[in-house]
Amino acid sequence: MSAAPRMEMEDRPRTRNSGEVLLGEDWVSPDATVETLREVRGRGGLVALNRSPLARKIIIFNLMALVVLVGGVLFLNPFRDSLVVQREAGLVREAELVATVFEAQMQPGAAPAPDHGATLDGIRLGGGVEVFVFDPAGKLLASRMVPPPVQPAPDRVRSTVITDFLNAVWDGVSGVLTFGRETAQPVDGAALAREVFPIARAGETWSHTGRDPSGSTLFSVATPIRVAGQVVGVVALTSTEGEIDTLVRYEREQILQMFVVALLVSIGLSLVLASTIANPLSDLAAAAEIGRDRDNRGPVTGRVRIPDLAARPDEIGRLSVAMRGMVAALYDRIDANEQFAADVAHEIKNPLASLRSAVGSMRFVKKDEHRTRLLDVIEHDVRRLDRLVSDISNASRLDSELVKEEEDRFDLIRTIAGLGDYMGQQAREKGVDFLTDLPADPIMIRGLEARLAQVFVNLISNAVSFCEEGDAVRVWARRRDNRVLVVVEDTGPGIPEQALTKVFKRFYSERPSGDFGNHSGLGLAISKQIVEAHGGVIWAENIRPATADISTPPLGARFVVGLPV
């Protein structure tokens, strides 16, 4: 398998803060990759609506809320209801005032019967009303039309362009829907006054709100004229048509004007919001698509570059960090596989070279003892190859198996105690003392029990293999806050200082020459991989007295495994 060219990594330590995603080593990418992302996204303004369904949804949903708000205000019409109540109350007060004037003139002992027309003309009334005076029989005694206030000049009339446009649209739709229906007859003020006359003649003040055929609001109010407790007449007032509706139109026009301004502002802010969301997501998607389709585009130099949006304190920044970490981990895995393949090839060449040399020598040797020695070499190399291939196979499957297997809670102390009984027997057969010092209380952890048991078997077997008759191996465990430490110690020759950092590397083995070829050098590397997959740590150190320096020969070796509880 061929991988992309290796990229330069920044030489800096990786740290994990609380709530932060840990990134792999960052990389430097060719500028061509950035240009490719820009070409994929396009360069049209803040955001390309025709290429961004997410941007269109953001704008539509923001506008829907604004439209519903304005539509609700216009539908409820709170200012119109307030104007109606105020206007109706004003007409009632005016009608009662006129009735009071006529009652004063009709009191017993007063001047001769009043001139109703002259009396009406002498009363100052608000504009835009028509006054009627009836006798108890319903005969019209007098009437007066008070015109509305003087209207402003045509060039000073407030414009209601938006309202007029909407009304024209509504009238057009209504005209289509009401096609063929009879046209309602116009309603005059006298007819409205006679509608409320019977209730006022019965002694009650009554007001009525209605609409003319054009939809304009009309008011009619009637109140009785009482003299000595008897109803001697009725005063009725009606308003001119369109009085309230004109005010409502002005108010509605102002609301709609503000709606248009808010609409434009909302669209602008939505575009900015959409650009801050849709464009980064588009870049991330484009980078992922480039990586997905690069095999279909022929050879491409450089690695896939995920845009760095870690500075954004939102979910998009988190997504960018996570994707960059995933890509970095993927490339780390590719590099590790390349290195592993190179190491495997190197390790297999050694026994193969030895086999080739031994087989070639078999053709020329004549003595039986030489042939026997060559056959021993061939057998040793075949066993070595078999062991090496088996360990390589186990190491290559380890990652996938760690992901597939289900973790369970188990008692780590019971597991180590069971291994101690088995491994202790092997140690005693070699003449090595095997000691355990484990807590009496169980320590429950979550993980793969079989895999962790493999780690401790490997550590204990290594310790026993380095010990001679009369040496000792000790296994002990202690709990420290939220971690548990498992330690395997031996009284063997210890580990060379320069090898302390190398013993966990693949195919590295630091053993006596007489033990050459009996170990693949993958055991500690596999153990480290299993421990780190459980969120733990493992390290090696030499055992020395507390007062001894580094030049003092070690008393043995110690391997420490720390696991989270």
Protein backbone atom coordinates (compact mmCIF):
# COMPACT_ATOMS: atom_id res chain seq x y z
CA MET A 1 0.00 0.00 0.00
CA SER A 2 1.42 3.35 -1.03
CA ALA A 3 0.68 6.42 1.06
CA ALA A 4 0.80 10.13 0.36
CA PRO A 5 4.15 11.88 0.82
CA ARG A 6 5.12 12.55 4.40
CA MET A 7 4.37 16.07 5.55
CA GLU A 8 6.35 18.30 7.87
CA MET A 9 5.07 18.30 11.43
CA GLU A 10 5.39 21.06 14.00
CA ASP A 11 7.66 20.04 16.83
CA ARG A 12 5.52 20.98 19.78
CA PRO A 13 4.05 19.04 22.73
CA ARG A 14 0.43 18.10 22.64
CA THR A 15 -1.62 19.03 25.69
CA ARG A 16 -5.23 18.45 26.57
CA ASN A 17 -7.20 21.15 28.35
CA SER A 18 -10.52 20.63 30.04
CA GLY A 19 -13.26 20.36 27.43
CA GLU A 20 -10.76 20.60 24.53
CA VAL A 21 -10.31 18.09 21.76
CA LEU A 22 -6.73 16.88 21.48
CA LEU A 23 -5.29 17.37 18.01
CA GLY A 24 -2.55 15.38 16.43
CA GLU A 25 0.50 17.20 15.08
CA ASP A 26 -0.57 20.02 12.84
CA TRP A 27 0.66 20.13 9.28
CA VAL A 28 1.49 22.71 6.65
CA SER A 29 -0.44 22.32 3.44
CA PRO A 30 0.24 23.69 -0.05
CA ASP A 31 -1.70 26.83 -0.91
CA ALA A 32 -3.22 25.00 -3.88
CA THR A 33 -5.49 23.14 -1.50
CA VAL A 34 -6.95 26.39 -0.18
CA GLU A 35 -7.56 27.62 -3.71
CA THR A 36 -9.31 24.37 -4.51
CA LEU A 37 -11.68 24.93 -1.59
CA ARG A 38 -12.43 28.45 -2.76
CA GLU A 39 -13.15 27.25 -6.26
CA VAL A 40 -15.52 24.61 -4.92
CA ARG A 41 -17.40 27.11 -2.77
CA GLY A 42 -17.41 29.98 -5.25
CA ARG A 43 -16.59 33.62 -4.79
CA GLY A 44 -19.96 35.39 -4.97
CA GLY A 45 -20.53 37.78 -2.09
CA LEU A 46 -21.22 36.75 1.47
CA VAL A 47 -22.89 33.48 0.58
CA ALA A 48 -24.14 31.91 -2.63
CA LEU A 49 -27.84 31.30 -2.02
CA ASN A 50 -28.24 29.21 -5.15
CA ARG A 51 -25.59 26.79 -3.86
CA SER A 52 -26.41 26.83 -0.17
CA PRO A 53 -29.68 25.23 0.98
CA LEU A 54 -28.68 25.94 4.57
CA ALA A 55 -28.37 29.68 3.89
CA ARG A 56 -31.80 29.72 2.24
CA LYS A 57 -33.33 27.96 5.22
CA ILE A 58 -31.76 30.42 7.67
CA ILE A 59 -33.13 33.41 5.74
CA ILE A 60 -36.59 31.89 5.27
CA PHE A 61 -36.98 30.90 8.92
CA ASN A 62 -35.84 34.34 10.13
CA LEU A 63 -38.31 36.06 7.78
CA MET A 64 -41.14 33.74 8.78
CA ALA A 65 -40.87 34.83 12.42
CA LEU A 66 -40.93 38.51 11.39
CA VAL A 67 -43.87 38.02 9.02
CA VAL A 68 -45.88 36.17 11.67
CA LEU A 69 -45.18 38.95 14.19
CA VAL A 70 -46.26 41.77 11.86
CA GLY A 71 -49.22 39.77 10.58
CA GLY A 72 -50.37 39.18 14.14
CA VAL A 73 -50.12 42.88 14.99
CA LEU A 74 -52.11 43.85 11.90
CA PHE A 75 -54.67 41.12 12.49
CA LEU A 76 -55.28 41.99 16.13
CA ASN A 77 -55.40 45.73 15.36
CA PRO A 78 -55.02 46.94 18.99
CA PHE A 79 -54.75 50.60 17.93
CA ARG A 80 -57.98 50.34 15.90
CA ASP A 81 -59.87 48.88 18.84
CA SER A 82 -58.61 51.69 21.05
CA LEU A 83 -59.69 54.32 18.51
CA VAL A 84 -63.12 52.72 18.20
CA VAL A 85 -63.66 52.75 21.97
CA GLN A 86 -62.52 56.34 22.29
CA ARG A 87 -64.62 57.54 19.36
CA GLU A 88 -67.69 55.72 20.59
CA ALA A 89 -67.31 57.16 24.09
CA GLY A 90 -66.88 60.66 22.63
CA LEU A 91 -70.09 60.38 20.58
CA VAL A 92 -71.99 59.19 23.66
CA ARG A 93 -70.79 62.22 25.65
CA GLU A 94 -71.73 64.58 22.80
CA ALA A 95 -75.19 63.02 22.49
CA GLU A 96 -75.78 63.37 26.24
CA LEU A 97 -74.59 66.98 26.09
CA VAL A 98 -77.06 67.82 23.32
CA ALA A 99 -79.85 66.03 25.22
CA THR A 100 -78.98 68.01 28.37
CA VAL A 101 -79.29 71.28 26.46
CA PHE A 102 -82.74 70.33 25.13
CA GLU A 103 -83.85 69.14 28.59
CA ALA A 104 -82.91 72.53 30.05
CA GLN A 105 -85.00 74.34 27.42
CA MET A 106 -88.02 72.01 27.84
CA GLN A 107 -88.34 72.23 31.64
CA PRO A 108 -91.83 73.24 32.96
CA GLY A 109 -92.04 77.00 33.30
CA ALA A 110 -89.32 77.60 30.75
CA ALA A 111 -89.57 79.81 27.67
CA PRO A 112 -91.92 78.77 24.84
CA ALA A 113 -91.10 75.65 22.83
CA PRO A 114 -87.51 75.91 21.61
CA ASP A 115 -86.45 76.15 18.05
CA HIS A 116 -84.73 72.80 17.66
CA GLY A 117 -82.77 73.83 14.56
CA ALA A 118 -81.50 77.02 16.19
CA THR A 119 -80.57 75.13 19.32
CA LEU A 120 -78.55 72.59 17.30
CA ASP A 121 -76.82 75.37 15.45
CA GLY A 122 -75.80 76.97 18.72
CA ILE A 123 -74.15 73.87 20.14
CA ARG A 124 -70.45 73.40 19.41
CA LEU A 125 -69.79 69.83 18.38
CA GLY A 126 -66.78 67.88 17.20
CA GLY A 127 -66.31 67.51 13.47
CA GLY A 128 -67.35 64.57 11.35
CA VAL A 129 -70.80 63.94 12.92
CA GLU A 130 -74.44 64.31 11.90
CA VAL A 131 -77.01 65.16 14.63
CA PHE A 132 -80.71 64.25 14.53
CA VAL A 133 -83.49 65.23 16.94
CA PHE A 134 -86.67 63.13 16.97
CA ASP A 135 -89.94 63.49 18.85
CA PRO A 136 -91.34 60.45 20.70
CA ALA A 137 -93.27 59.44 17.59
CA GLY A 138 -90.10 59.29 15.52
CA LYS A 139 -90.67 62.48 13.59
CA LEU A 140 -87.48 64.26 12.64
CA LEU A 141 -87.53 67.67 14.33
CA ALA A 142 -84.08 68.94 13.34
CA SER A 143 -80.76 67.77 11.95
CA ARG A 144 -77.34 69.19 11.49
CA MET A 145 -74.26 68.04 9.59
CA VAL A 146 -70.93 68.99 11.21
CA PRO A 147 -68.19 68.53 8.58
CA PRO A 148 -64.86 66.98 9.54
CA PRO A 149 -61.87 69.22 10.22
CA VAL A 150 -60.27 70.90 7.22
CA GLN A 151 -58.18 68.33 5.31
CA PRO A 152 -54.58 69.23 4.40
CA ALA A 153 -53.69 70.18 0.89
CA PRO A 154 -53.22 67.24 -1.51
CA ASP A 155 -49.46 67.78 -1.60
CA ARG A 156 -49.34 67.51 2.22
CA VAL A 157 -51.44 64.38 2.64
CA ARG A 158 -49.47 61.59 4.30
CA SER A 159 -48.63 58.86 1.84
CA THR A 160 -49.84 55.32 2.42
CA VAL A 161 -48.14 53.71 -0.54
CA ILE A 162 -47.72 50.27 1.03
CA THR A 163 -51.24 50.23 2.50
CA ASP A 164 -52.75 51.43 -0.76
CA PHE A 165 -50.91 48.72 -2.63
CA LEU A 166 -52.06 46.02 -0.22
CA ASN A 167 -55.62 47.35 -0.31
CA ALA A 168 -55.55 47.34 -4.10
CA VAL A 169 -54.40 43.72 -4.05
CA TRP A 170 -57.09 42.85 -1.53
CA ASP A 171 -59.76 44.64 -3.52
CA GLY A 172 -58.68 42.79 -6.66
CA VAL A 173 -58.83 39.42 -4.92
CA SER A 174 -62.14 40.28 -3.30
CA GLY A 175 -63.54 41.39 -6.63
CA VAL A 176 -62.69 38.04 -8.18
CA LEU A 177 -64.09 36.08 -5.25
CA THR A 178 -67.32 38.17 -5.07
CA PHE A 179 -67.94 38.26 -8.81
CA GLY A 180 -71.67 38.03 -9.60
CA ARG A 181 -72.93 38.99 -6.16
CA GLU A 182 -75.32 41.89 -5.57
CA THR A 183 -73.80 45.20 -4.62
CA ALA A 184 -74.83 46.35 -1.16
CA GLN A 185 -76.90 49.51 -0.97
CA PRO A 186 -75.32 52.61 0.55
CA VAL A 187 -76.25 53.52 4.12
CA ASP A 188 -76.98 57.13 5.10
CA GLY A 189 -76.85 58.78 8.52
CA ALA A 190 -80.63 59.15 8.92
CA ALA A 191 -81.13 55.40 8.41
CA LEU A 192 -78.49 54.65 11.06
CA ALA A 193 -80.12 57.10 13.47
CA ARG A 194 -83.52 55.47 13.04
CA GLU A 195 -81.99 52.05 13.78
CA VAL A 196 -81.00 53.13 17.29
CA PHE A 197 -84.06 55.36 17.84
CA PRO A 198 -86.39 52.66 19.32
CA ILE A 199 -83.95 51.76 22.13
CA ALA A 200 -83.37 55.41 23.10
CA ARG A 201 -87.13 56.08 23.09
CA ALA A 202 -87.42 53.25 25.65
CA GLY A 203 -85.21 55.32 27.96
CA GLU A 204 -81.70 53.91 27.37
CA THR A 205 -78.61 55.42 25.83
CA TRP A 206 -77.46 53.13 23.04
CA SER A 207 -74.47 53.04 20.73
CA HIS A 208 -73.90 50.93 17.64
CA THR A 209 -70.85 50.30 15.45
CA GLY A 210 -71.25 49.07 11.91
CA ARG A 211 -69.77 49.19 8.44
CA ASP A 212 -70.94 50.62 5.17
CA PRO A 213 -70.81 48.63 1.91
CA SER A 214 -67.23 49.79 1.28
CA GLY A 215 -66.11 48.45 4.67
CA SER A 216 -65.69 51.81 6.40
CA THR A 217 -66.57 52.00 10.09
CA LEU A 218 -69.73 53.93 11.07
CA PHE A 219 -70.89 54.91 14.56
CA SER A 220 -74.43 55.71 15.68
CA VAL A 221 -75.45 56.85 19.17
CA ALA A 222 -78.91 57.70 20.57
CA THR A 223 -79.93 59.05 23.99
CA PRO A 224 -83.35 60.08 25.35
CA ILE A 225 -84.45 63.65 26.23
CA ARG A 226 -86.21 63.47 29.61
CA VAL A 227 -88.45 66.09 31.12
CA ALA A 228 -90.08 65.36 34.47
CA GLY A 229 -89.15 61.72 34.08
CA GLN A 230 -90.82 61.39 30.71
CA VAL A 231 -89.08 60.80 27.35
CA VAL A 232 -90.01 63.80 25.21
CA GLY A 233 -87.53 63.20 22.40
CA VAL A 234 -84.41 61.46 21.19
CA VAL A 235 -81.01 62.83 20.15
CA ALA A 236 -79.06 60.65 17.69
CA LEU A 237 -75.52 61.18 16.38
CA THR A 238 -73.85 59.37 13.51
CA SER A 239 -70.24 59.62 12.36
CA THR A 240 -69.02 60.22 8.85
CA GLU A 241 -67.67 57.21 6.98
CA GLY A 242 -63.95 56.47 6.86
CA GLU A 243 -63.03 58.57 9.87
CA ILE A 244 -61.48 55.76 11.89
CA ASP A 245 -60.25 53.88 8.86
CA THR A 246 -58.11 56.82 7.72
CA LEU A 247 -56.34 56.91 11.07
CA VAL A 248 -55.95 53.14 11.02
CA ARG A 249 -54.47 53.33 7.54
CA TYR A 250 -51.85 55.81 8.74
CA GLU A 251 -50.96 53.62 11.71
CA ARG A 252 -50.86 50.52 9.52
CA GLU A 253 -48.64 52.33 7.02
CA GLN A 254 -46.12 53.14 9.74
CA ILE A 255 -46.10 49.53 10.91
CA LEU A 256 -45.60 48.27 7.37
CA GLN A 257 -42.82 50.78 6.76
CA MET A 258 -41.05 49.54 9.87
CA PHE A 259 -41.72 46.00 8.67
CA VAL A 260 -40.00 46.71 5.36
CA VAL A 261 -37.00 48.21 7.18
CA ALA A 262 -36.90 45.25 9.60
CA LEU A 263 -37.25 42.90 6.63
CA LEU A 264 -34.22 44.39 4.91
CA VAL A 265 -32.21 44.35 8.14
CA SER A 266 -33.26 40.75 8.82
CA ILE A 267 -32.22 39.68 5.33
CA GLY A 268 -28.85 41.39 5.75
CA LEU A 269 -28.23 39.87 9.17
CA SER A 270 -29.41 36.48 7.89
CA LEU A 271 -26.91 36.69 5.04
CA VAL A 272 -24.13 37.50 7.51
CA LEU A 273 -25.25 34.68 9.80
CA ALA A 274 -25.57 32.29 6.89
CA SER A 275 -22.09 33.22 5.68
CA THR A 276 -20.62 32.49 9.12
CA ILE A 277 -22.33 29.09 9.17
CA ALA A 278 -22.78 27.94 5.59
CA ASN A 279 -19.38 29.01 4.23
CA PRO A 280 -17.27 27.22 6.89
CA LEU A 281 -19.44 24.13 6.63
CA SER A 282 -19.10 24.29 2.85
CA ASP A 283 -15.31 24.48 3.22
CA LEU A 284 -15.28 21.52 5.60
CA ALA A 285 -17.53 19.50 3.28
CA ALA A 286 -15.42 20.44 0.25
CA ALA A 287 -12.23 19.38 2.01
CA ALA A 288 -13.80 16.06 2.95
CA GLU A 289 -15.06 15.58 -0.62
CA ILE A 290 -11.61 16.34 -2.02
CA GLY A 291 -10.17 13.65 0.22
CA ARG A 292 -12.92 11.22 -0.77
CA ASP A 293 -12.62 11.79 -4.53
CA ARG A 294 -8.86 12.26 -4.84
CA ASP A 295 -8.36 8.62 -5.92
CA ASN A 296 -10.68 9.24 -8.89
CA ARG A 297 -8.79 12.35 -9.98
CA GLY A 298 -5.47 10.68 -10.60
CA PRO A 299 -2.28 11.32 -8.61
CA VAL A 300 -2.55 14.28 -6.23
CA THR A 301 0.37 15.67 -4.26
CA GLY A 302 0.04 16.74 -0.67
CA ARG A 303 -2.40 15.70 2.00
CA VAL A 304 -6.00 16.72 2.54
CA ARG A 305 -6.14 19.96 4.50
CA ILE A 306 -9.11 20.55 6.78
CA PRO A 307 -9.70 24.31 7.35
CA ASP A 308 -8.52 25.43 10.77
CA LEU A 309 -11.53 27.04 12.49
CA ALA A 310 -10.40 26.33 16.05
CA ALA A 311 -10.60 30.05 16.90
CA ARG A 312 -14.41 29.97 16.57
CA PRO A 313 -16.00 29.45 20.02
CA ASP A 314 -18.93 27.47 18.64
CA GLU A 315 -19.90 24.05 17.30
CA ILE A 316 -18.32 24.73 13.90
CA GLY A 317 -15.00 25.38 15.60
CA ARG A 318 -15.40 22.14 17.54
CA LEU A 319 -16.26 20.31 14.32
CA SER A 320 -13.17 21.70 12.61
CA VAL A 321 -10.96 20.69 15.54
CA ALA A 322 -12.50 17.20 15.60
CA MET A 323 -12.12 16.73 11.82
CA ARG A 324 -8.53 17.96 11.88
CA GLY A 325 -7.82 15.58 14.75
CA MET A 326 -9.43 12.71 12.85
CA VAL A 327 -7.41 13.46 9.73
CA ALA A 328 -4.22 13.82 11.77
CA ALA A 329 -4.94 10.51 13.52
CA LEU A 330 -5.60 8.89 10.14
CA TYR A 331 -2.29 10.10 8.74
CA ASP A 332 -0.52 9.05 11.94
CA ARG A 333 -2.01 5.61 11.47
CA ILE A 334 -0.86 5.56 7.84
CA ASP A 335 2.65 6.57 8.91
CA ALA A 336 2.63 3.95 11.66
CA ASN A 337 1.54 1.29 9.18
CA GLU A 338 4.32 2.32 6.79
CA GLN A 339 6.84 2.15 9.59
CA PHE A 340 5.44 -1.17 10.77
CA ALA A 341 5.64 -2.61 7.25
CA ALA A 342 9.24 -1.43 6.95
CA ASP A 343 10.11 -2.94 10.35
CA VAL A 344 8.41 -6.23 9.45
CA ALA A 345 10.34 -6.42 6.19
CA HIS A 346 13.57 -5.72 8.05
CA GLU A 347 12.91 -8.32 10.75
CA ILE A 348 11.90 -11.01 8.26
CA LYS A 349 15.01 -10.45 6.12
CA ASN A 350 17.32 -11.49 8.97
CA PRO A 351 16.04 -15.07 9.41
CA LEU A 352 15.52 -15.40 5.66
CA ALA A 353 19.14 -14.42 5.05
CA SER A 354 20.25 -16.92 7.66
CA LEU A 355 18.08 -19.63 6.06
CA ARG A 356 19.43 -18.88 2.59
CA SER A 357 22.97 -19.03 3.85
CA ALA A 358 22.36 -22.32 5.68
CA VAL A 359 20.58 -23.92 2.72
CA GLY A 360 23.35 -22.79 0.38
CA SER A 361 25.99 -24.22 2.68
CA MET A 362 24.24 -27.59 2.78
CA ARG A 363 25.33 -28.15 -0.82
CA PHE A 364 29.02 -28.07 0.05
CA VAL A 365 29.43 -29.57 3.53
CA LYS A 366 30.55 -33.18 3.72
CA LYS A 367 30.72 -33.94 7.42
CA ASP A 368 27.63 -35.12 9.27
CA GLU A 369 28.27 -32.91 12.29
CA HIS A 370 28.34 -29.85 10.02
CA ARG A 371 25.09 -30.90 8.39
CA THR A 372 23.55 -31.38 11.85
CA ARG A 373 24.61 -27.88 12.91
CA LEU A 374 23.18 -26.38 9.71
CA LEU A 375 19.90 -28.25 10.22
CA ASP A 376 19.74 -26.86 13.76
CA VAL A 377 20.23 -23.33 12.35
CA ILE A 378 17.50 -23.92 9.74
CA GLU A 379 15.10 -25.26 12.39
CA HIS A 380 15.86 -22.30 14.69
CA ASP A 381 15.25 -19.79 11.89
CA VAL A 382 12.00 -21.49 10.86
CA ARG A 383 10.75 -21.33 14.48
CA ARG A 384 11.85 -17.72 14.62
CA LEU A 385 9.96 -16.92 11.42
CA ASP A 386 6.87 -18.73 12.67
CA ARG A 387 6.98 -16.84 15.98
CA LEU A 388 7.62 -13.56 14.18
CA VAL A 389 4.73 -14.03 11.72
CA SER A 390 2.37 -14.99 14.57
CA ASP A 391 3.32 -11.96 16.67
CA ILE A 392 3.08 -9.66 13.65
CA SER A 393 -0.38 -11.03 12.87
CA ASN A 394 -1.50 -10.46 16.46
CA ALA A 395 -0.07 -6.94 16.49
CA SER A 396 -1.71 -5.98 13.20
CA ARG A 397 -5.15 -7.20 14.38
CA LEU A 398 -4.87 -5.59 17.78
CA ASP A 399 -6.32 -2.17 16.84
CA SER A 400 -9.44 -3.55 15.20
CA GLU A 401 -9.99 -6.08 17.98
CA LEU A 402 -9.69 -3.40 20.67
CA VAL A 403 -12.45 -1.45 18.91
CA LYS A 404 -14.74 -4.43 18.32
CA GLU A 405 -14.56 -6.04 21.77
CA GLU A 406 -17.02 -4.91 24.45
CA GLU A 407 -15.66 -3.50 27.70
CA ASP A 408 -16.92 -4.83 31.04
CA ARG A 409 -16.35 -4.06 34.70
CA PHE A 410 -14.20 -6.62 36.46
CA ASP A 411 -12.10 -7.05 39.58
CA LEU A 412 -8.50 -6.35 38.60
CA ILE A 413 -7.12 -7.82 41.83
CA ARG A 414 -8.86 -11.16 41.24
CA THR A 415 -7.48 -11.27 37.68
CA ILE A 416 -3.90 -10.59 38.82
CA ALA A 417 -4.24 -13.14 41.65
CA GLY A 418 -5.35 -15.81 39.17
CA LEU A 419 -2.43 -15.01 36.87
CA GLY A 420 -0.07 -15.11 39.86
CA ASP A 421 -1.11 -18.66 40.71
CA TYR A 422 -0.43 -19.79 37.13
CA MET A 423 2.77 -17.82 36.47
CA GLY A 424 4.11 -18.53 39.96
CA GLN A 425 4.19 -22.23 39.21
CA GLN A 426 6.34 -21.61 36.11
CA ALA A 427 8.67 -19.33 38.08
CA ARG A 428 9.14 -21.91 40.86
CA GLU A 429 9.94 -24.61 38.29
CA LYS A 430 12.87 -22.39 37.18
CA GLY A 431 13.97 -21.87 40.79
CA VAL A 432 12.69 -18.26 40.94
CA ASP A 433 10.75 -17.07 43.97
CA PHE A 434 7.37 -15.56 43.07
CA LEU A 435 5.82 -13.07 45.52
CA THR A 436 2.51 -11.19 45.40
CA ASP A 437 1.31 -8.29 47.51
CA LEU A 438 -2.29 -7.46 46.56
CA PRO A 439 -5.00 -5.50 48.43
CA ALA A 440 -7.66 -7.48 50.24
CA ASP A 441 -10.45 -5.30 48.84
CA PRO A 442 -11.45 -5.64 45.16
CA ILE A 443 -10.56 -2.86 42.70
CA MET A 444 -13.16 -2.61 39.95
CA ILE A 445 -12.14 -1.17 36.60
CA ARG A 446 -13.78 -1.06 33.18
CA GLY A 447 -11.95 -2.59 30.23
CA LEU A 448 -11.07 -5.75 28.33
CA GLU A 449 -10.07 -8.29 30.96
CA ALA A 450 -8.47 -10.72 28.52
CA ARG A 451 -6.32 -8.02 26.92
CA LEU A 452 -5.10 -6.63 30.25
CA ALA A 453 -4.38 -10.17 31.40
CA GLN A 454 -2.22 -10.53 28.27
CA VAL A 455 -0.23 -7.46 29.42
CA PHE A 456 0.48 -8.83 32.89
CA VAL A 457 1.32 -12.30 31.55
CA ASN A 458 3.86 -10.70 29.21
CA LEU A 459 5.40 -8.57 31.98
CA ILE A 460 5.63 -11.48 34.43
CA SER A 461 7.01 -13.90 31.83
CA ASN A 462 9.64 -11.33 30.80
CA ALA A 463 10.64 -10.83 34.43
CA VAL A 464 10.95 -14.59 34.97
CA SER A 465 12.98 -15.00 31.77
CA PHE A 466 15.61 -12.50 32.97
CA CYS A 467 15.95 -14.14 36.37
CA GLU A 468 18.34 -16.91 37.32
CA GLU A 469 17.90 -19.56 39.97
CA GLY A 470 17.64 -17.88 43.38
CA ASP A 471 16.26 -14.59 42.02
CA ALA A 472 12.77 -13.34 42.83
CA VAL A 473 9.80 -11.76 41.04
CA ARG A 474 7.34 -9.62 42.97
CA VAL A 475 3.92 -8.42 41.81
CA TRP A 476 2.06 -5.82 43.87
CA ALA A 477 -0.82 -3.36 43.36
CA ARG A 478 -2.01 -0.22 45.11
CA ARG A 479 -4.87 2.20 44.54
CA ARG A 480 -3.94 5.89 44.26
CA ASP A 481 -6.98 8.22 44.11
CA ASN A 482 -8.62 7.60 40.73
CA ARG A 483 -5.91 5.24 39.44
CA VAL A 484 -4.55 1.83 40.27
CA LEU A 485 -0.85 0.97 39.97
CA VAL A 486 0.25 -2.58 39.18
CA VAL A 487 4.01 -3.17 39.53
CA VAL A 488 6.08 -6.15 38.36
CA GLU A 489 9.61 -6.25 39.87
CA ASP A 490 12.46 -8.68 39.48
CA THR A 491 15.97 -9.08 40.85
CA GLY A 492 17.50 -9.75 37.42
CA PRO A 493 20.28 -7.79 35.73
CA GLY A 494 18.08 -4.74 35.12
CA ILE A 495 17.73 -2.72 31.93
CA PRO A 496 20.56 -0.76 30.31
CA GLU A 497 19.97 2.94 30.83
CA GLN A 498 20.03 3.68 27.09
CA ALA A 499 17.36 1.01 26.54
CA LEU A 500 14.79 2.31 29.05
CA THR A 501 13.14 4.45 26.35
CA LYS A 502 13.47 1.80 23.62
CA VAL A 503 12.07 -1.34 25.22
CA PHE A 504 8.51 -0.45 24.15
CA LYS A 505 9.43 -0.03 20.49
CA ARG A 506 8.43 -2.70 18.02
CA PHE A 507 10.98 -5.44 17.35
CA TYR A 508 13.38 -4.08 19.95
CA SER A 509 14.82 -6.76 22.21
CA GLU A 510 17.57 -6.41 24.81
CA ARG A 511 18.43 -10.02 25.72
CA PRO A 512 21.57 -12.13 26.27
CA SER A 513 23.19 -13.56 23.16
CA GLY A 514 22.24 -17.08 24.19
CA ASP A 515 18.57 -16.12 24.01
CA PHE A 516 18.86 -14.58 20.52
CA GLY A 517 15.95 -15.27 18.17
CA ASN A 518 13.61 -16.65 20.82
CA HIS A 519 11.60 -13.41 21.11
CA SER A 520 10.13 -11.18 18.40
CA GLY A 521 10.42 -7.93 20.35
CA LEU A 522 6.69 -7.17 19.98
CA GLY A 523 5.51 -8.16 23.45
CA LEU A 524 6.17 -4.86 25.24
CA ALA A 525 4.99 -2.84 22.22
CA ILE A 526 1.68 -4.74 22.24
CA SER A 527 1.41 -4.31 26.01
CA LYS A 528 1.87 -0.56 25.72
CA GLN A 529 -0.75 -0.35 22.97
CA ILE A 530 -3.30 -2.23 25.11
CA VAL A 531 -2.62 -0.14 28.22
CA GLU A 532 -2.90 3.16 26.33
CA ALA A 533 -6.14 1.96 24.68
CA HIS A 534 -7.55 1.71 28.24
CA GLY A 535 -6.45 5.26 29.04
CA GLY A 536 -3.49 4.08 31.12
CA VAL A 537 0.29 4.45 31.13
CA ILE A 538 3.20 2.02 31.35
CA TRP A 539 6.88 2.64 31.96
CA ALA A 540 10.08 0.83 32.89
CA GLU A 541 12.75 1.73 35.42
CA ASN A 542 15.66 0.17 37.26
CA ILE A 543 15.60 -0.62 40.96
CA ARG A 544 18.30 1.14 42.97
CA PRO A 545 18.67 2.19 46.59
CA ALA A 546 17.38 5.66 47.32
CA THR A 547 20.90 6.97 48.00
CA ALA A 548 22.54 5.37 44.94
CA ASP A 549 23.42 7.28 41.78
CA ILE A 550 22.83 6.25 38.18
CA SER A 551 26.25 4.63 37.88
CA THR A 552 25.40 2.11 40.59
CA PRO A 553 24.49 -1.31 39.15
CA PRO A 554 20.74 -1.85 39.40
CA LEU A 555 19.22 -4.36 41.80
CA GLY A 556 16.65 -5.38 39.19
CA ALA A 557 14.00 -4.00 36.83
CA ARG A 558 10.54 -2.61 37.53
CA PHE A 559 7.59 -2.23 35.13
CA VAL A 560 4.71 -0.03 36.29
CA VAL A 561 1.19 -0.06 34.80
CA GLY A 562 -1.25 2.72 35.75
CA LEU A 563 -4.93 2.30 34.88
CA PRO A 564 -7.92 4.58 35.55
CA VAL A 565 -10.47 3.33 38.08
